[in-house]
């Protein structure tokens, strides 16, 4: 559990720099340059992610169960996951979805975390998905109080929405029907 928690703290800590101290982040970018900052940021985030996933894998079968979700709640979880990939893609393919949602990636993260909380009742799952959900809520609130940085993407068109939905639904079905079991050893249905 310690390895998992260390990875989670590193991963969410790196992703919380702008929430906690955006002026410091901006000073660091000015001091070392945007490229080196993004490189260090990415390395720390990837390291946190790897340690978090490794720790989760080590501890997931040894933690207590807080609740056992009924089958119908797992079905609701699968429905909540349906818009996740289209929203993630819409963050980089701007169109009406991005304009309406404003922060589609954060909404996707919140839906992903909530759906996993509904389907998983172990202590480690509640810590993981609850922490990520709380982080996404805090990050969304903090966006109202800090300067927006542009997200790289292509120009906004209606075709982007069609592409985001089609590719996102394709990715959803690939993950649900095949990849989730292959990657995580758990079938979502």
Protein backbone atom coordinates (compact mmCIF):
# COMPACT_ATOMS: atom_id res chain seq x y z
CA UNK A 1 0.00 0.00 0.00
CA UNK A 2 2.93 2.36 0.72
CA UNK A 3 4.21 2.04 -2.86
CA UNK A 4 0.74 2.77 -4.22
CA UNK A 5 0.29 5.81 -1.96
CA UNK A 6 3.74 7.17 -2.90
CA UNK A 7 2.89 6.90 -6.59
CA UNK A 8 -0.54 8.45 -6.08
CA UNK A 9 0.91 11.39 -4.14
CA UNK A 10 3.59 11.96 -6.79
CA UNK A 11 1.13 11.66 -9.69
CA UNK A 12 -1.55 13.91 -8.20
CA UNK A 13 1.06 16.22 -6.68
CA UNK A 14 2.61 16.94 -10.06
CA UNK A 15 -0.84 17.50 -11.54
CA UNK A 16 -1.69 19.86 -8.67
CA UNK A 17 1.17 22.33 -9.13
CA UNK A 18 -1.01 24.81 -11.02
CA UNK A 19 -3.82 24.39 -8.50
CA UNK A 20 -1.58 25.02 -5.51
CA UNK A 21 0.88 27.59 -6.85
CA UNK A 22 0.35 28.69 -10.46
CA UNK A 23 2.64 31.76 -10.05
CA UNK A 24 5.53 29.47 -8.97
CA UNK A 25 4.87 27.22 -11.97
CA UNK A 26 4.98 30.24 -14.28
CA UNK A 27 8.25 31.47 -12.70
CA UNK A 28 9.79 28.02 -13.23
CA UNK A 29 8.72 28.01 -16.89
CA UNK A 30 10.26 31.47 -17.32
CA UNK A 31 13.45 30.35 -15.55
CA UNK A 32 14.16 27.03 -17.30
CA UNK A 33 11.99 27.31 -20.41
CA UNK A 34 8.75 25.67 -21.43
CA UNK A 35 10.35 22.63 -23.08
CA UNK A 36 12.50 21.64 -20.09
CA UNK A 37 9.58 22.32 -17.72
CA UNK A 38 7.29 20.06 -19.72
CA UNK A 39 10.02 17.42 -19.83
CA UNK A 40 10.54 17.43 -16.05
CA UNK A 41 6.79 17.57 -15.45
CA UNK A 42 6.21 14.63 -17.79
CA UNK A 43 8.98 12.54 -16.24
CA UNK A 44 7.62 13.12 -12.72
CA UNK A 45 4.04 12.39 -13.83
CA UNK A 46 5.06 9.21 -15.65
CA UNK A 47 7.14 8.06 -12.68
CA UNK A 48 4.20 8.70 -10.34
CA UNK A 49 1.85 6.85 -12.68
CA UNK A 50 4.14 3.82 -12.96
CA UNK A 51 4.69 3.61 -9.20
CA UNK A 52 0.95 4.11 -8.56
CA UNK A 53 -0.07 1.36 -11.00
CA UNK A 54 2.62 -0.99 -9.69
CA UNK A 55 1.59 -0.34 -6.08
CA UNK A 56 -2.08 -0.78 -6.94
CA UNK A 57 -1.31 -4.11 -8.58
CA UNK A 58 0.63 -5.26 -5.52
CA UNK A 59 -2.04 -4.21 -3.02
CA UNK A 60 -5.38 -4.61 -4.77
CA UNK A 61 -5.99 -8.18 -3.65
CA UNK A 62 -4.84 -7.60 -0.07
CA UNK A 63 -7.10 -4.68 0.90
CA UNK A 64 -10.38 -4.80 2.76
CA UNK A 65 -13.71 -4.48 1.00
CA UNK A 66 -15.75 -1.44 2.06
CA UNK A 67 -18.77 -2.30 -0.07
CA UNK A 68 -19.82 -4.78 -2.71
CA UNK A 69 -21.65 -3.00 -5.49
CA UNK A 70 -24.79 -4.67 -6.81
CA UNK A 71 -24.79 -5.76 -10.44
CA UNK A 72 -27.14 -2.97 -11.52
CA UNK A 73 -24.66 -0.39 -10.21
CA UNK A 74 -21.95 -1.93 -12.36
CA UNK A 75 -24.23 -1.51 -15.38
CA UNK A 76 -24.71 2.16 -14.52
CA UNK A 77 -20.93 2.42 -14.26
CA UNK A 78 -20.56 1.12 -17.82
CA UNK A 79 -23.08 3.72 -19.03
CA UNK A 80 -21.22 6.52 -17.25
CA UNK A 81 -18.04 5.47 -19.04
CA UNK A 82 -19.58 5.77 -22.52
CA UNK A 83 -18.87 9.52 -22.95
CA UNK A 84 -15.37 9.36 -21.42
CA UNK A 85 -13.36 8.72 -24.60
CA UNK A 86 -15.37 11.12 -26.79
CA UNK A 87 -14.80 13.81 -24.16
CA UNK A 88 -11.07 13.06 -23.96
CA UNK A 89 -10.75 13.28 -27.72
CA UNK A 90 -12.90 16.44 -27.86
CA UNK A 91 -10.35 18.17 -25.62
CA UNK A 92 -7.89 18.01 -28.54
CA UNK A 93 -10.37 18.14 -31.43
CA UNK A 94 -12.30 21.29 -30.57
CA UNK A 95 -15.84 21.73 -31.77
CA UNK A 96 -19.27 22.12 -30.21
CA UNK A 97 -18.57 19.50 -27.54
CA UNK A 98 -15.56 21.38 -26.23
CA UNK A 99 -17.39 24.72 -26.43
CA UNK A 100 -20.37 23.36 -24.49
CA UNK A 101 -18.41 21.45 -21.86
CA UNK A 102 -15.48 23.93 -21.61
CA UNK A 103 -13.15 21.37 -19.99
CA UNK A 104 -13.99 18.00 -21.56
CA UNK A 105 -10.90 16.23 -20.24
CA UNK A 106 -11.73 17.07 -16.62
CA UNK A 107 -15.33 15.96 -17.12
CA UNK A 108 -14.03 12.71 -18.63
CA UNK A 109 -11.76 12.16 -15.62
CA UNK A 110 -14.65 12.83 -13.21
CA UNK A 111 -16.96 10.39 -15.03
CA UNK A 112 -14.21 7.77 -15.21
CA UNK A 113 -13.41 8.06 -11.49
CA UNK A 114 -17.07 8.11 -10.41
CA UNK A 115 -17.95 5.09 -12.53
CA UNK A 116 -15.04 3.16 -11.05
CA UNK A 117 -16.09 4.14 -7.53
CA UNK A 118 -19.54 2.73 -8.26
CA UNK A 119 -18.11 -0.57 -9.48
CA UNK A 120 -15.23 -1.11 -7.02
CA UNK A 121 -15.57 -1.21 -3.26
CA UNK A 122 -12.11 -2.16 -2.03
CA UNK A 123 -10.20 0.28 0.17
CA UNK A 124 -7.46 0.78 -2.41
CA UNK A 125 -10.01 1.39 -5.19
CA UNK A 126 -11.85 3.95 -3.10
CA UNK A 127 -8.57 5.71 -2.32
CA UNK A 128 -7.48 5.70 -5.98
CA UNK A 129 -10.70 6.66 -7.69
CA UNK A 130 -11.90 8.92 -4.86
CA UNK A 131 -8.60 10.84 -4.89
CA UNK A 132 -8.68 11.30 -8.64
CA UNK A 133 -12.33 12.40 -8.53
CA UNK A 134 -11.56 14.90 -5.75
CA UNK A 135 -8.53 16.19 -7.67
CA UNK A 136 -10.60 16.70 -10.84
CA UNK A 137 -13.29 18.62 -8.92
CA UNK A 138 -10.68 20.84 -7.24
CA UNK A 139 -8.86 21.39 -10.54
CA UNK A 140 -12.08 22.41 -12.28
CA UNK A 141 -12.90 24.88 -9.49
CA UNK A 142 -9.36 26.27 -9.57
CA UNK A 143 -9.64 26.99 -13.29
CA UNK A 144 -11.99 29.83 -12.39
CA UNK A 145 -9.15 31.51 -10.46
CA UNK A 146 -6.13 31.12 -12.71
CA UNK A 147 -5.08 32.02 -16.22
CA UNK A 148 -5.99 29.53 -18.90
CA UNK A 149 -3.16 28.04 -20.90
CA UNK A 150 -3.98 27.01 -24.45
CA UNK A 151 -4.38 23.30 -25.11
CA UNK A 152 -2.74 22.29 -28.38
CA UNK A 153 -5.21 21.10 -30.93
CA UNK A 154 -6.43 21.55 -34.44
CA UNK A 155 -8.85 24.30 -35.52
CA UNK A 156 -12.45 24.00 -34.32
CA UNK A 157 -14.89 22.37 -36.76
CA UNK A 158 -18.11 20.36 -36.61
CA UNK A 159 -16.29 17.41 -38.14
CA UNK A 160 -14.16 17.24 -35.01
CA UNK A 161 -17.25 16.41 -32.95
CA UNK A 162 -18.21 13.59 -35.32
CA UNK A 163 -14.66 12.27 -35.22
CA UNK A 164 -14.45 12.55 -31.41
CA UNK A 165 -17.72 10.69 -30.90
CA UNK A 166 -17.01 7.96 -33.48
CA UNK A 167 -13.42 7.35 -32.36
CA UNK A 168 -14.38 7.64 -28.69
CA UNK A 169 -17.18 5.09 -28.93
CA UNK A 170 -14.89 2.76 -30.85
CA UNK A 171 -12.27 3.08 -28.12
CA UNK A 172 -14.92 2.50 -25.45
CA UNK A 173 -16.06 -0.77 -26.99
CA UNK A 174 -12.48 -1.93 -27.59
CA UNK A 175 -11.68 -1.28 -23.94
CA UNK A 176 -14.85 -2.80 -22.51
CA UNK A 177 -14.93 -5.88 -24.73
CA UNK A 178 -11.24 -6.69 -24.89
CA UNK A 179 -8.56 -4.30 -23.61
CA UNK A 180 -9.68 -3.84 -20.00
CA UNK A 181 -9.35 -7.55 -19.30
CA UNK A 182 -6.08 -7.75 -21.24
CA UNK A 183 -4.50 -4.72 -19.53
CA UNK A 184 -5.93 -4.93 -16.02
CA UNK A 185 -7.02 -8.53 -15.64
CA UNK A 186 -10.61 -7.53 -14.89
CA UNK A 187 -13.57 -7.79 -17.23
CA UNK A 188 -15.90 -4.81 -16.78
CA UNK A 189 -19.03 -6.83 -17.55
